[in-house]
Structures are given as structure tokens and as C-alpha cells.
Amino acid sequence: MPRIDKANQRYQRIHEIFTRRMGKHSNGIKLADLADELGVSIRQLSTDIKYLKEQGAPLEYVATLKAWRYKEGQDFVVLEDQLLNDRDLSSLQIALATFSKFNMHDERLSALPEVFRKIYKASRSWMHSGNLQKNIYFDPLPKYDGAKHLTFFLKAIEESRRVEFNYLAFHAEEPKTVVFDPWFLRNYDQRWYVGGFSHDPEEQFVRVFPLERIEGVPSYSGFCHEKPRDYNAETYWKNIYGITVPRDGKVETITLKFTPIQGKYFLSSPFFEPYNIVENSPERLVIQLNLIVNMELIRKVASFGEDVEVLEPESLRNNLKEFFKKALSSLC
């Protein structure tokens, strides 16, 4: 075998070889055989193996076989001169999902800057100058502690793992242990939530938990493969604004009348889609949305103040009256 002198080329070749030798059913490959195939010394190969392990390559030595192989269940990619481990790839997947929705850099995800640095170095043709950061500005985003749990839950969802974690609600004095089947991650209002089935005897239904309220380190506690037949991750949020899905909530036709100026703001950046335009005239904009009424919707409509009127349903009108009544009483 011709000698491979460049380190990144050796890493790529080593990765390709071990990708074919993955899991407990693999016989692995002995160091001497691998060194011979690469055309390098055992000393050089040992240095390469050590470096790859430090970078997150799922390499393991099996004493009974006196050979090396890749562990199952972990991802690793050699991208030109950059090595992306399991955490990098999970972070990148989250980033791409975020970009597809927001089309902007989300600095809340603390693990992402290092991933982007690696991608940038490996793909210099994507950007030809450093002027981008000087010309484009974003509102400052708060530090978000819950981002540290994203990789754990993404992996749990992909592998159908049941999890346990300690959850401290804002209204509680002590955290409670939650046994949970995670089904999806949800981003809303600069926060990340994990949603799925709660095994709490008082709940036993699909709910969401904000990641920043999870204390300590969550853990796996088995597997979860059963979901309700009528559950569909793509349609679950179809009629929900925000993240709260009332247990007995029903879809209602929400009719809103905006003032002309606020109507233009809504049309330029709707807070929910799809919607139907009932009337769009110089005097008003009237739209209809099919939604389940929850607290997030009440607060959103209330935020428009006098620039919106709820025409229907009457229950939402009453909810808003009660909302403003309490707000007014707090000022008196």
C-alpha cells in the first residue's frame, strides 16, 4: 500500500476502514495490519489513533480480539481537515433545523460556534471575506442555559429512549422526578422545549417541558416505541400558537379585526399561518385563524391592545376582558 503522508488523508482513510468495522459483531483490525495497509509505522498509527479518540472518534480496543473497531451508536465524520464528532453533528443538525425556520444565526445554542468554525475552515469557498459580520446586525439574544440539553434529547428522540430528569417548575419549591418519552424538540419565544408523553399518573398525556428548568443531568431509563395512532409530529402544532396544548382544547375559528396600520404589520409578518383574509380595506383588516385557545394566544392578542378586536369566539373575548381586568387591578 502506498504511504499516506498527509495527516488529514490518513484520518480519512482510517475513518473509512473503521466505518466498515463497527459494533460488537465486528472482528476489528489489528494495529500492525492497519499500519501496513496505510504504509506508516505502528508508532505513527498509534499517534493517529490517540488523536482521533481525543477528537471523539468512537474507537475502542477489544482485548479479546487484540484489535480495534468503532463502537455502535456514535457518529463521526472526517470533513477535509476537520473532524466532526457525535456532538458536533447533533449540534449541526439542530443548527440546520433552526436556519430552515429562522434563516438567521441563533447564538443561544452554545455548542454551535465551534461547529461553525470547523465548517468554515473546511468550506472556505462558502465565504470569501470577513465583512459579513461587520454589515449585518442582530438583536442581542439572552444567554440560554437550556441549550446544553439539546444534544441529549435529540439523541433520545432519534433512538426512542425513555428518559428521566429533575424538573423544577417556577411555582414549585422542590424539583420533581419526571419519567418521560421524548418525541420532539420545539423552539418558541427564544426557548427550547422537549415534548412527549408524561408518565406522571396525574398526567398521562403529551406535554412539553422548557429545557432551562431541567436540573442536573438527565439520564436514559429504557426505550419507548409506542405512540398514539393519531399522533403526528408534523400536524401536532397545526392549530396551536405557542407551546401549550390544553388537554381538552378544541379547534375554534378565531376572527380578528385589525386597524389599517396594524393590519399592514400583520400581513408583512403574520404571527401565525395559515390564515384567511375576510376583509382587507382602507378601514380594517379582518382575518380568521383556526386555533385552540391557550394562554399564549390570549397574551399575543392582548399585546396588540386597542389595535385589534376579537369578533369571535365570545369565549376568547371574555378571556381578554379577564386578562385586562387583572392587569388593571395590579396598577391600582
C-alpha atoms as a PDB file:
ATOM      1  CA  MET A   1       0.000   0.000   0.000  1.00  0.00           C
ATOM      2  CA  PRO A   2       1.437   3.443  -0.913  1.00  0.00           C
ATOM      3  CA  ARG A   3       2.408   5.530   2.098  1.00  0.00           C
ATOM      4  CA  ILE A   4      -0.081   8.230   3.113  1.00  0.00           C
ATOM      5  CA  ASP A   5       1.975  11.141   4.409  1.00  0.00           C
ATOM      6  CA  LYS A   6      -0.673  13.821   4.926  1.00  0.00           C
ATOM      7  CA  ALA A   7      -2.383  13.549   8.318  1.00  0.00           C
ATOM      8  CA  ASN A   8      -5.863  14.501   7.159  1.00  0.00           C
ATOM      9  CA  GLN A   9      -5.708  11.906   4.373  1.00  0.00           C
ATOM     10  CA  ARG A  10      -4.703   9.254   6.927  1.00  0.00           C
ATOM     11  CA  TYR A  11      -7.566  10.257   9.194  1.00  0.00           C
ATOM     12  CA  GLN A  12      -9.986   9.938   6.289  1.00  0.00           C
ATOM     13  CA  ARG A  13      -8.650   6.520   5.344  1.00  0.00           C
ATOM     14  CA  ILE A  14      -8.645   5.286   8.961  1.00  0.00           C
ATOM     15  CA  HIS A  15     -12.221   6.502   9.337  1.00  0.00           C
ATOM     16  CA  GLU A  16     -13.308   4.681   6.158  1.00  0.00           C
ATOM     17  CA  ILE A  17     -11.698   1.441   7.339  1.00  0.00           C
ATOM     18  CA  PHE A  18     -13.240   1.538  10.807  1.00  0.00           C
ATOM     19  CA  THR A  19     -16.655   2.512   9.479  1.00  0.00           C
ATOM     20  CA  ARG A  20     -16.719  -0.970   7.947  1.00  0.00           C
ATOM     21  CA  ARG A  21     -15.675  -2.463  11.288  1.00  0.00           C
ATOM     22  CA  MET A  22     -18.369  -1.164  13.610  1.00  0.00           C
ATOM     23  CA  GLY A  23     -20.164  -2.802  16.512  1.00  0.00           C
ATOM     24  CA  LYS A  24     -19.855  -5.863  18.686  1.00  0.00           C
ATOM     25  CA  HIS A  25     -20.124  -8.273  15.749  1.00  0.00           C
ATOM     26  CA  SER A  26     -17.016  -6.861  14.109  1.00  0.00           C
ATOM     27  CA  ASN A  27     -13.694  -8.668  14.425  1.00  0.00           C
ATOM     28  CA  GLY A  28     -11.908  -5.315  14.289  1.00  0.00           C
ATOM     29  CA  ILE A  29      -8.475  -4.781  12.814  1.00  0.00           C
ATOM     30  CA  LYS A  30      -5.075  -5.274  14.365  1.00  0.00           C
ATOM     31  CA  LEU A  31      -2.751  -2.288  14.617  1.00  0.00           C
ATOM     32  CA  ALA A  32       0.016  -3.976  12.592  1.00  0.00           C
ATOM     33  CA  ASP A  33      -2.385  -4.834   9.754  1.00  0.00           C
ATOM     34  CA  LEU A  34      -3.758  -1.294   9.675  1.00  0.00           C
ATOM     35  CA  ALA A  35      -0.265   0.231   9.701  1.00  0.00           C
ATOM     36  CA  ASP A  36       0.692  -1.991   6.783  1.00  0.00           C
ATOM     37  CA  GLU A  37      -2.420  -1.004   4.838  1.00  0.00           C
ATOM     38  CA  LEU A  38      -1.703   2.698   5.384  1.00  0.00           C
ATOM     39  CA  GLY A  39       2.015   2.366   4.741  1.00  0.00           C
ATOM     40  CA  VAL A  40       3.015   4.011   8.030  1.00  0.00           C
ATOM     41  CA  SER A  41       4.804   2.908  11.178  1.00  0.00           C
ATOM     42  CA  ILE A  42       2.951   1.494  14.169  1.00  0.00           C
ATOM     43  CA  ARG A  43       4.265   4.434  16.178  1.00  0.00           C
ATOM     44  CA  GLN A  44       2.737   6.931  13.733  1.00  0.00           C
ATOM     45  CA  LEU A  45      -0.525   4.973  13.643  1.00  0.00           C
ATOM     46  CA  SER A  46      -0.697   4.885  17.446  1.00  0.00           C
ATOM     47  CA  THR A  47      -0.351   8.669  17.463  1.00  0.00           C
ATOM     48  CA  ASP A  48      -3.155   8.961  14.885  1.00  0.00           C
ATOM     49  CA  ILE A  49      -5.428   6.638  16.867  1.00  0.00           C
ATOM     50  CA  LYS A  50      -4.848   8.631  20.050  1.00  0.00           C
ATOM     51  CA  TYR A  51      -5.613  11.897  18.266  1.00  0.00           C
ATOM     52  CA  LEU A  52      -8.795  10.564  16.665  1.00  0.00           C
ATOM     53  CA  LYS A  53     -10.051   9.287  20.029  1.00  0.00           C
ATOM     54  CA  GLU A  54      -9.384  12.697  21.591  1.00  0.00           C
ATOM     55  CA  GLN A  55     -11.473  14.282  18.819  1.00  0.00           C
ATOM     56  CA  GLY A  56     -14.423  11.989  19.530  1.00  0.00           C
ATOM     57  CA  ALA A  57     -13.915   9.081  17.137  1.00  0.00           C
ATOM     58  CA  PRO A  58     -15.815   6.070  18.603  1.00  0.00           C
ATOM     59  CA  LEU A  59     -12.711   3.874  18.647  1.00  0.00           C
ATOM     60  CA  GLU A  60     -12.468   1.008  21.147  1.00  0.00           C
ATOM     61  CA  TYR A  61      -9.819  -1.609  21.772  1.00  0.00           C
ATOM     62  CA  VAL A  62     -11.145  -5.163  22.265  1.00  0.00           C
ATOM     63  CA  ALA A  63      -8.637  -7.078  24.351  1.00  0.00           C
ATOM     64  CA  THR A  64     -10.093 -10.497  23.489  1.00  0.00           C
ATOM     65  CA  LEU A  65      -9.612  -9.780  19.793  1.00  0.00           C
ATOM     66  CA  LYS A  66      -6.415  -7.763  20.221  1.00  0.00           C
ATOM     67  CA  ALA A  67      -7.942  -5.432  17.651  1.00  0.00           C
ATOM     68  CA  TRP A  68      -9.593  -2.021  17.226  1.00  0.00           C
ATOM     69  CA  ARG A  69     -13.090  -1.207  15.971  1.00  0.00           C
ATOM     70  CA  TYR A  70     -15.773   1.514  16.036  1.00  0.00           C
ATOM     71  CA  LYS A  71     -18.489   1.467  18.709  1.00  0.00           C
ATOM     72  CA  GLU A  72     -22.074   1.363  17.530  1.00  0.00           C
ATOM     73  CA  GLY A  73     -24.472   4.266  18.061  1.00  0.00           C
ATOM     74  CA  GLN A  74     -21.991   7.132  17.666  1.00  0.00           C
ATOM     75  CA  ASP A  75     -21.436   9.331  14.634  1.00  0.00           C
ATOM     76  CA  PHE A  76     -18.123  10.694  13.427  1.00  0.00           C
ATOM     77  CA  VAL A  77     -17.239  12.490  10.200  1.00  0.00           C
ATOM     78  CA  VAL A  78     -13.905  13.460   8.673  1.00  0.00           C
ATOM     79  CA  LEU A  79     -14.511  16.591   6.611  1.00  0.00           C
ATOM     80  CA  GLU A  80     -11.322  17.626   4.808  1.00  0.00           C
ATOM     81  CA  ASP A  81      -9.074  18.722   7.696  1.00  0.00           C
ATOM     82  CA  GLN A  82     -11.886  18.897  10.244  1.00  0.00           C
ATOM     83  CA  LEU A  83     -13.186  16.089  12.459  1.00  0.00           C
ATOM     84  CA  LEU A  84     -16.847  16.241  13.475  1.00  0.00           C
ATOM     85  CA  ASN A  85     -17.836  14.057  16.407  1.00  0.00           C
ATOM     86  CA  ASP A  86     -21.252  12.893  17.592  1.00  0.00           C
ATOM     87  CA  ARG A  87     -21.949  16.120  19.483  1.00  0.00           C
ATOM     88  CA  ASP A  88     -20.817  18.282  16.571  1.00  0.00           C
ATOM     89  CA  LEU A  89     -23.177  16.518  14.180  1.00  0.00           C
ATOM     90  CA  SER A  90     -26.123  16.775  16.569  1.00  0.00           C
ATOM     91  CA  SER A  91     -25.425  20.481  17.020  1.00  0.00           C
ATOM     92  CA  LEU A  92     -25.174  20.923  13.269  1.00  0.00           C
ATOM     93  CA  GLN A  93     -28.491  19.146  12.774  1.00  0.00           C
ATOM     94  CA  ILE A  94     -30.114  21.490  15.285  1.00  0.00           C
ATOM     95  CA  ALA A  95     -28.499  24.477  13.573  1.00  0.00           C
ATOM     96  CA  LEU A  96     -29.771  23.466  10.156  1.00  0.00           C
ATOM     97  CA  ALA A  97     -33.273  22.956  11.545  1.00  0.00           C
ATOM     98  CA  THR A  98     -33.066  26.391  13.156  1.00  0.00           C
ATOM     99  CA  PHE A  99     -31.806  28.037   9.978  1.00  0.00           C
ATOM    100  CA  SER A 100     -34.550  26.425   7.905  1.00  0.00           C
ATOM    101  CA  LYS A 101     -37.145  28.145  10.102  1.00  0.00           C
ATOM    102  CA  PHE A 102     -35.494  31.427  11.046  1.00  0.00           C
ATOM    103  CA  ASN A 103     -32.814  31.903   8.389  1.00  0.00           C
ATOM    104  CA  MET A 104     -30.517  33.502  10.938  1.00  0.00           C
ATOM    105  CA  HIS A 105     -27.671  32.648  13.279  1.00  0.00           C
ATOM    106  CA  ASP A 106     -29.042  31.541  16.652  1.00  0.00           C
ATOM    107  CA  GLU A 107     -26.380  32.357  19.247  1.00  0.00           C
ATOM    108  CA  ARG A 108     -28.374  30.708  22.038  1.00  0.00           C
ATOM    109  CA  LEU A 109     -27.033  27.314  21.062  1.00  0.00           C
ATOM    110  CA  SER A 110     -23.759  27.432  22.934  1.00  0.00           C
ATOM    111  CA  ALA A 111     -22.207  24.419  21.192  1.00  0.00           C
ATOM    112  CA  LEU A 112     -22.663  25.801  17.681  1.00  0.00           C
ATOM    113  CA  PRO A 113     -19.897  28.411  17.272  1.00  0.00           C
ATOM    114  CA  GLU A 114     -17.185  25.753  17.401  1.00  0.00           C
ATOM    115  CA  VAL A 115     -19.064  23.620  14.869  1.00  0.00           C
ATOM    116  CA  PHE A 116     -19.391  26.579  12.517  1.00  0.00           C
ATOM    117  CA  ARG A 117     -15.702  27.330  12.912  1.00  0.00           C
ATOM    118  CA  LYS A 118     -14.942  23.797  11.733  1.00  0.00           C
ATOM    119  CA  ILE A 119     -17.393  24.013   8.845  1.00  0.00           C
ATOM    120  CA  TYR A 120     -15.972  27.405   7.895  1.00  0.00           C
ATOM    121  CA  LYS A 121     -12.413  26.094   7.813  1.00  0.00           C
ATOM    122  CA  ALA A 122     -13.467  23.062   5.787  1.00  0.00           C
ATOM    123  CA  SER A 123     -15.566  25.079   3.342  1.00  0.00           C
ATOM    124  CA  ARG A 124     -13.735  28.320   2.695  1.00  0.00           C
ATOM    125  CA  SER A 125     -15.444  28.703  -0.665  1.00  0.00           C
ATOM    126  CA  TRP A 126     -18.726  29.477   1.130  1.00  0.00           C
ATOM    127  CA  MET A 127     -17.429  32.850   2.259  1.00  0.00           C
ATOM    128  CA  HIS A 128     -14.743  34.958   0.619  1.00  0.00           C
ATOM    129  CA  SER A 129     -14.383  37.826   3.054  1.00  0.00           C
ATOM    130  CA  GLY A 130     -14.780  38.743   6.697  1.00  0.00           C
ATOM    131  CA  ASN A 131     -17.118  41.663   6.000  1.00  0.00           C
ATOM    132  CA  LEU A 132     -20.341  39.770   6.716  1.00  0.00           C
ATOM    133  CA  GLN A 133     -20.211  40.304  10.472  1.00  0.00           C
ATOM    134  CA  LYS A 134     -19.454  43.996  10.006  1.00  0.00           C
ATOM    135  CA  ASN A 135     -22.505  44.653   7.829  1.00  0.00           C
ATOM    136  CA  ILE A 136     -25.271  42.540   9.359  1.00  0.00           C
ATOM    137  CA  TYR A 137     -26.547  43.061  12.899  1.00  0.00           C
ATOM    138  CA  PHE A 138     -28.971  41.138  15.097  1.00  0.00           C
ATOM    139  CA  ASP A 139     -30.740  41.979  18.324  1.00  0.00           C
ATOM    140  CA  PRO A 140     -28.732  40.632  21.264  1.00  0.00           C
ATOM    141  CA  LEU A 141     -30.083  37.313  22.445  1.00  0.00           C
ATOM    142  CA  PRO A 142     -30.009  36.336  26.110  1.00  0.00           C
ATOM    143  CA  LYS A 143     -27.819  33.543  27.384  1.00  0.00           C
ATOM    144  CA  TYR A 144     -29.918  30.395  27.261  1.00  0.00           C
ATOM    145  CA  ASP A 145     -28.912  27.698  29.722  1.00  0.00           C
ATOM    146  CA  GLY A 146     -31.317  25.058  28.378  1.00  0.00           C
ATOM    147  CA  ALA A 147     -29.289  24.665  25.172  1.00  0.00           C
ATOM    148  CA  LYS A 148     -26.899  22.325  26.995  1.00  0.00           C
ATOM    149  CA  HIS A 149     -29.615  19.620  26.972  1.00  0.00           C
ATOM    150  CA  LEU A 150     -30.373  19.789  23.237  1.00  0.00           C
ATOM    151  CA  THR A 151     -27.925  17.103  22.125  1.00  0.00           C
ATOM    152  CA  PHE A 152     -29.097  14.688  24.837  1.00  0.00           C
ATOM    153  CA  PHE A 153     -32.766  14.980  23.870  1.00  0.00           C
ATOM    154  CA  LEU A 154     -32.112  14.911  20.139  1.00  0.00           C
ATOM    155  CA  LYS A 155     -30.261  11.628  20.579  1.00  0.00           C
ATOM    156  CA  ALA A 156     -33.007  10.283  22.860  1.00  0.00           C
ATOM    157  CA  ILE A 157     -35.663  11.102  20.263  1.00  0.00           C
ATOM    158  CA  GLU A 158     -33.715   9.547  17.392  1.00  0.00           C
ATOM    159  CA  GLU A 159     -33.036   6.351  19.387  1.00  0.00           C
ATOM    160  CA  SER A 160     -36.521   6.123  21.008  1.00  0.00           C
ATOM    161  CA  ARG A 161     -35.060   6.362  24.519  1.00  0.00           C
ATOM    162  CA  ARG A 162     -37.159   6.853  27.641  1.00  0.00           C
ATOM    163  CA  VAL A 163     -35.569   9.437  29.929  1.00  0.00           C
ATOM    164  CA  GLU A 164     -35.645  10.685  33.491  1.00  0.00           C
ATOM    165  CA  PHE A 165     -34.840  14.179  34.713  1.00  0.00           C
ATOM    166  CA  ASN A 166     -35.436  16.539  37.624  1.00  0.00           C
ATOM    167  CA  TYR A 167     -37.801  19.348  36.692  1.00  0.00           C
ATOM    168  CA  LEU A 168     -38.207  22.495  38.775  1.00  0.00           C
ATOM    169  CA  ALA A 169     -41.286  24.488  37.816  1.00  0.00           C
ATOM    170  CA  PHE A 170     -41.275  28.214  38.589  1.00  0.00           C
ATOM    171  CA  HIS A 171     -44.151  27.757  41.046  1.00  0.00           C
ATOM    172  CA  ALA A 172     -42.520  24.803  42.846  1.00  0.00           C
ATOM    173  CA  GLU A 173     -40.086  24.841  45.762  1.00  0.00           C
ATOM    174  CA  GLU A 174     -38.532  21.448  45.027  1.00  0.00           C
ATOM    175  CA  PRO A 175     -37.827  19.658  41.743  1.00  0.00           C
ATOM    176  CA  LYS A 176     -39.787  16.561  40.824  1.00  0.00           C
ATOM    177  CA  THR A 177     -38.522  13.486  39.001  1.00  0.00           C
ATOM    178  CA  VAL A 178     -40.087  13.119  35.561  1.00  0.00           C
ATOM    179  CA  VAL A 179     -40.257   9.855  33.603  1.00  0.00           C
ATOM    180  CA  PHE A 180     -40.738  10.885  30.007  1.00  0.00           C
ATOM    181  CA  ASP A 181     -40.893   9.599  26.420  1.00  0.00           C
ATOM    182  CA  PRO A 182     -39.436  12.457  24.319  1.00  0.00           C
ATOM    183  CA  TRP A 183     -40.944  12.792  20.848  1.00  0.00           C
ATOM    184  CA  PHE A 184     -39.924  16.218  19.552  1.00  0.00           C
ATOM    185  CA  LEU A 185     -38.000  19.434  20.208  1.00  0.00           C
ATOM    186  CA  ARG A 186     -39.802  22.732  19.871  1.00  0.00           C
ATOM    187  CA  ASN A 187     -38.411  26.270  19.644  1.00  0.00           C
ATOM    188  CA  TYR A 188     -40.666  29.086  20.775  1.00  0.00           C
ATOM    189  CA  ASP A 189     -40.042  32.616  22.067  1.00  0.00           C
ATOM    190  CA  GLN A 190     -36.249  32.221  22.430  1.00  0.00           C
ATOM    191  CA  ARG A 191     -36.625  28.977  24.404  1.00  0.00           C
ATOM    192  CA  TRP A 192     -36.319  25.302  23.604  1.00  0.00           C
ATOM    193  CA  TYR A 193     -38.855  22.750  24.793  1.00  0.00           C
ATOM    194  CA  VAL A 194     -38.946  18.964  24.713  1.00  0.00           C
ATOM    195  CA  GLY A 195     -42.325  17.380  24.125  1.00  0.00           C
ATOM    196  CA  GLY A 196     -43.614  13.867  24.563  1.00  0.00           C
ATOM    197  CA  PHE A 197     -45.537  11.538  26.829  1.00  0.00           C
ATOM    198  CA  SER A 198     -45.508  12.126  30.580  1.00  0.00           C
ATOM    199  CA  HIS A 199     -45.698   9.013  32.783  1.00  0.00           C
ATOM    200  CA  ASP A 200     -46.914  11.037  35.766  1.00  0.00           C
ATOM    201  CA  PRO A 201     -50.095   9.223  36.989  1.00  0.00           C
ATOM    202  CA  GLU A 202     -51.792  12.619  37.274  1.00  0.00           C
ATOM    203  CA  GLU A 203     -50.964  13.497  33.661  1.00  0.00           C
ATOM    204  CA  GLN A 204     -50.532  10.539  31.293  1.00  0.00           C
ATOM    205  CA  PHE A 205     -50.667  12.761  28.212  1.00  0.00           C
ATOM    206  CA  VAL A 206     -48.481  14.666  25.764  1.00  0.00           C
ATOM    207  CA  ARG A 207     -46.907  17.759  27.301  1.00  0.00           C
ATOM    208  CA  VAL A 208     -43.829  19.954  26.936  1.00  0.00           C
ATOM    209  CA  PHE A 209     -41.037  20.920  29.325  1.00  0.00           C
ATOM    210  CA  PRO A 210     -38.787  24.001  28.962  1.00  0.00           C
ATOM    211  CA  LEU A 211     -35.193  22.804  28.890  1.00  0.00           C
ATOM    212  CA  GLU A 212     -33.854  25.540  31.161  1.00  0.00           C
ATOM    213  CA  ARG A 213     -35.985  24.228  34.052  1.00  0.00           C
ATOM    214  CA  ILE A 214     -34.323  20.801  33.956  1.00  0.00           C
ATOM    215  CA  GLU A 215     -31.841  20.473  36.805  1.00  0.00           C
ATOM    216  CA  GLY A 216     -28.747  18.297  36.865  1.00  0.00           C
ATOM    217  CA  VAL A 217     -28.018  15.748  34.152  1.00  0.00           C
ATOM    218  CA  PRO A 218     -30.919  13.859  32.501  1.00  0.00           C
ATOM    219  CA  SER A 219     -30.460  10.123  32.009  1.00  0.00           C
ATOM    220  CA  TYR A 220     -31.762   7.290  29.852  1.00  0.00           C
ATOM    221  CA  SER A 221     -34.073   4.765  31.523  1.00  0.00           C
ATOM    222  CA  GLY A 222     -35.052   2.315  28.805  1.00  0.00           C
ATOM    223  CA  PHE A 223     -36.783   2.599  25.461  1.00  0.00           C
ATOM    224  CA  CYS A 224     -40.126   3.924  24.204  1.00  0.00           C
ATOM    225  CA  HIS A 225     -41.584   2.690  20.954  1.00  0.00           C
ATOM    226  CA  GLU A 226     -45.318   3.258  21.401  1.00  0.00           C
ATOM    227  CA  LYS A 227     -47.118   6.412  20.334  1.00  0.00           C
ATOM    228  CA  PRO A 228     -50.858   7.075  19.940  1.00  0.00           C
ATOM    229  CA  ARG A 229     -52.111   6.148  16.498  1.00  0.00           C
ATOM    230  CA  ASP A 230     -53.493   9.633  15.964  1.00  0.00           C
ATOM    231  CA  TYR A 231     -50.229  11.374  16.934  1.00  0.00           C
ATOM    232  CA  ASN A 232     -48.390  13.011  14.055  1.00  0.00           C
ATOM    233  CA  ALA A 233     -45.367  15.193  14.774  1.00  0.00           C
ATOM    234  CA  GLU A 234     -45.902  17.229  11.596  1.00  0.00           C
ATOM    235  CA  THR A 235     -49.537  18.105  12.352  1.00  0.00           C
ATOM    236  CA  TYR A 236     -49.402  18.294  16.160  1.00  0.00           C
ATOM    237  CA  TRP A 237     -48.800  22.075  16.093  1.00  0.00           C
ATOM    238  CA  LYS A 238     -51.135  22.775  13.189  1.00  0.00           C
ATOM    239  CA  ASN A 239     -53.698  24.584  15.336  1.00  0.00           C
ATOM    240  CA  ILE A 240     -51.515  25.837  18.183  1.00  0.00           C
ATOM    241  CA  TYR A 241     -49.910  29.220  18.743  1.00  0.00           C
ATOM    242  CA  GLY A 242     -47.090  28.841  21.258  1.00  0.00           C
ATOM    243  CA  ILE A 243     -46.361  25.601  23.097  1.00  0.00           C
ATOM    244  CA  THR A 244     -49.339  24.904  25.392  1.00  0.00           C
ATOM    245  CA  VAL A 245     -51.816  22.313  24.153  1.00  0.00           C
ATOM    246  CA  PRO A 246     -54.809  22.283  26.519  1.00  0.00           C
ATOM    247  CA  ARG A 247     -55.796  18.743  27.365  1.00  0.00           C
ATOM    248  CA  ASP A 248     -59.439  19.241  26.413  1.00  0.00           C
ATOM    249  CA  GLY A 249     -58.864  22.051  23.933  1.00  0.00           C
ATOM    250  CA  LYS A 250     -60.801  22.191  20.665  1.00  0.00           C
ATOM    251  CA  VAL A 251     -60.108  23.991  17.419  1.00  0.00           C
ATOM    252  CA  GLU A 252     -62.138  27.167  17.031  1.00  0.00           C
ATOM    253  CA  THR A 253     -62.436  29.829  14.357  1.00  0.00           C
ATOM    254  CA  ILE A 254     -60.730  32.959  15.666  1.00  0.00           C
ATOM    255  CA  THR A 255     -61.806  36.171  13.895  1.00  0.00           C
ATOM    256  CA  LEU A 256     -59.684  39.268  14.464  1.00  0.00           C
ATOM    257  CA  LYS A 257     -60.232  42.823  13.225  1.00  0.00           C
ATOM    258  CA  PHE A 258     -57.082  44.958  12.964  1.00  0.00           C
ATOM    259  CA  THR A 259     -56.771  48.702  12.454  1.00  0.00           C
ATOM    260  CA  PRO A 260     -55.406  49.609   8.989  1.00  0.00           C
ATOM    261  CA  ILE A 261     -51.803  50.208  10.120  1.00  0.00           C
ATOM    262  CA  GLN A 262     -51.643  47.167  12.416  1.00  0.00           C
ATOM    263  CA  GLY A 263     -53.212  45.135   9.624  1.00  0.00           C
ATOM    264  CA  LYS A 264     -50.284  46.017   7.371  1.00  0.00           C
ATOM    265  CA  TYR A 265     -47.859  44.916  10.084  1.00  0.00           C
ATOM    266  CA  PHE A 266     -49.696  41.621  10.415  1.00  0.00           C
ATOM    267  CA  LEU A 267     -49.676  40.936   6.676  1.00  0.00           C
ATOM    268  CA  SER A 268     -45.954  41.714   6.450  1.00  0.00           C
ATOM    269  CA  SER A 269     -45.149  39.350   9.336  1.00  0.00           C
ATOM    270  CA  PRO A 270     -48.084  37.165  10.458  1.00  0.00           C
ATOM    271  CA  PHE A 271     -47.751  35.732  13.966  1.00  0.00           C
ATOM    272  CA  PHE A 272     -49.419  32.531  12.739  1.00  0.00           C
ATOM    273  CA  GLU A 273     -50.064  30.792   9.441  1.00  0.00           C
ATOM    274  CA  PRO A 274     -52.213  29.782   7.682  1.00  0.00           C
ATOM    275  CA  TYR A 275     -54.895  32.431   7.937  1.00  0.00           C
ATOM    276  CA  ASN A 276     -57.808  33.567   5.779  1.00  0.00           C
ATOM    277  CA  ILE A 277     -58.448  37.194   4.837  1.00  0.00           C
ATOM    278  CA  VAL A 278     -62.135  38.051   5.302  1.00  0.00           C
ATOM    279  CA  GLU A 279     -61.752  41.756   4.529  1.00  0.00           C
ATOM    280  CA  ASN A 280     -58.812  43.959   3.577  1.00  0.00           C
ATOM    281  CA  SER A 281     -59.925  47.545   3.103  1.00  0.00           C
ATOM    282  CA  PRO A 282     -58.635  51.046   3.944  1.00  0.00           C
ATOM    283  CA  GLU A 283     -60.757  50.876   7.134  1.00  0.00           C
ATOM    284  CA  ARG A 284     -59.764  47.448   8.521  1.00  0.00           C
ATOM    285  CA  LEU A 285     -58.190  44.048   8.092  1.00  0.00           C
ATOM    286  CA  VAL A 286     -60.288  41.080   9.191  1.00  0.00           C
ATOM    287  CA  ILE A 287     -58.679  37.654   9.316  1.00  0.00           C
ATOM    288  CA  GLN A 288     -59.633  34.191  10.501  1.00  0.00           C
ATOM    289  CA  LEU A 289     -57.425  31.555  12.127  1.00  0.00           C
ATOM    290  CA  ASN A 290     -58.271  28.022  13.157  1.00  0.00           C
ATOM    291  CA  LEU A 291     -56.682  27.637  16.583  1.00  0.00           C
ATOM    292  CA  ILE A 292     -57.046  26.104  20.014  1.00  0.00           C
ATOM    293  CA  VAL A 293     -57.311  28.929  22.535  1.00  0.00           C
ATOM    294  CA  ASN A 294     -54.443  28.823  25.031  1.00  0.00           C
ATOM    295  CA  MET A 295     -52.647  31.336  27.271  1.00  0.00           C
ATOM    296  CA  GLU A 296     -50.016  32.145  24.640  1.00  0.00           C
ATOM    297  CA  LEU A 297     -52.732  33.151  22.156  1.00  0.00           C
ATOM    298  CA  ILE A 298     -54.508  35.288  24.759  1.00  0.00           C
ATOM    299  CA  ARG A 299     -51.273  37.106  25.583  1.00  0.00           C
ATOM    300  CA  LYS A 300     -50.411  37.576  21.919  1.00  0.00           C
ATOM    301  CA  VAL A 301     -53.769  39.092  21.027  1.00  0.00           C
ATOM    302  CA  ALA A 302     -53.624  41.251  24.165  1.00  0.00           C
ATOM    303  CA  SER A 303     -50.238  42.618  23.056  1.00  0.00           C
ATOM    304  CA  PHE A 304     -51.936  44.433  20.149  1.00  0.00           C
ATOM    305  CA  GLY A 305     -54.004  46.486  22.623  1.00  0.00           C
ATOM    306  CA  GLU A 306     -56.553  48.794  21.004  1.00  0.00           C
ATOM    307  CA  ASP A 307     -55.311  47.910  17.505  1.00  0.00           C
ATOM    308  CA  VAL A 308     -57.222  44.624  17.421  1.00  0.00           C
ATOM    309  CA  GLU A 309     -60.745  43.481  18.239  1.00  0.00           C
ATOM    310  CA  VAL A 310     -61.802  39.857  18.712  1.00  0.00           C
ATOM    311  CA  LEU A 311     -65.007  39.330  16.769  1.00  0.00           C
ATOM    312  CA  GLU A 312     -65.307  35.651  17.686  1.00  0.00           C
ATOM    313  CA  PRO A 313     -65.423  33.423  19.617  1.00  0.00           C
ATOM    314  CA  GLU A 314     -67.125  35.010  22.595  1.00  0.00           C
ATOM    315  CA  SER A 315     -65.054  32.855  24.966  1.00  0.00           C
ATOM    316  CA  LEU A 316     -61.842  34.495  23.721  1.00  0.00           C
ATOM    317  CA  ARG A 317     -63.394  37.945  24.152  1.00  0.00           C
ATOM    318  CA  ASN A 318     -64.211  37.047  27.745  1.00  0.00           C
ATOM    319  CA  ASN A 319     -60.696  35.695  28.316  1.00  0.00           C
ATOM    320  CA  LEU A 320     -59.239  39.006  27.148  1.00  0.00           C
ATOM    321  CA  LYS A 321     -61.607  41.030  29.352  1.00  0.00           C
ATOM    322  CA  GLU A 322     -60.482  39.000  32.365  1.00  0.00           C
ATOM    323  CA  PHE A 323     -56.830  39.363  31.308  1.00  0.00           C
ATOM    324  CA  PHE A 324     -57.045  43.168  31.106  1.00  0.00           C
ATOM    325  CA  LYS A 325     -59.147  43.360  34.269  1.00  0.00           C
ATOM    326  CA  LYS A 326     -56.388  41.623  36.259  1.00  0.00           C
ATOM    327  CA  ALA A 327     -53.715  43.755  34.594  1.00  0.00           C
ATOM    328  CA  LEU A 328     -55.602  46.930  35.510  1.00  0.00           C
ATOM    329  CA  SER A 329     -56.143  45.831  39.112  1.00  0.00           C
ATOM    330  CA  SER A 330     -52.407  45.342  39.525  1.00  0.00           C
ATOM    331  CA  LEU A 331     -51.879  49.029  38.660  1.00  0.00           C
ATOM    332  CA  CYS A 332     -54.423  50.339  41.174  1.00  0.00           C
END
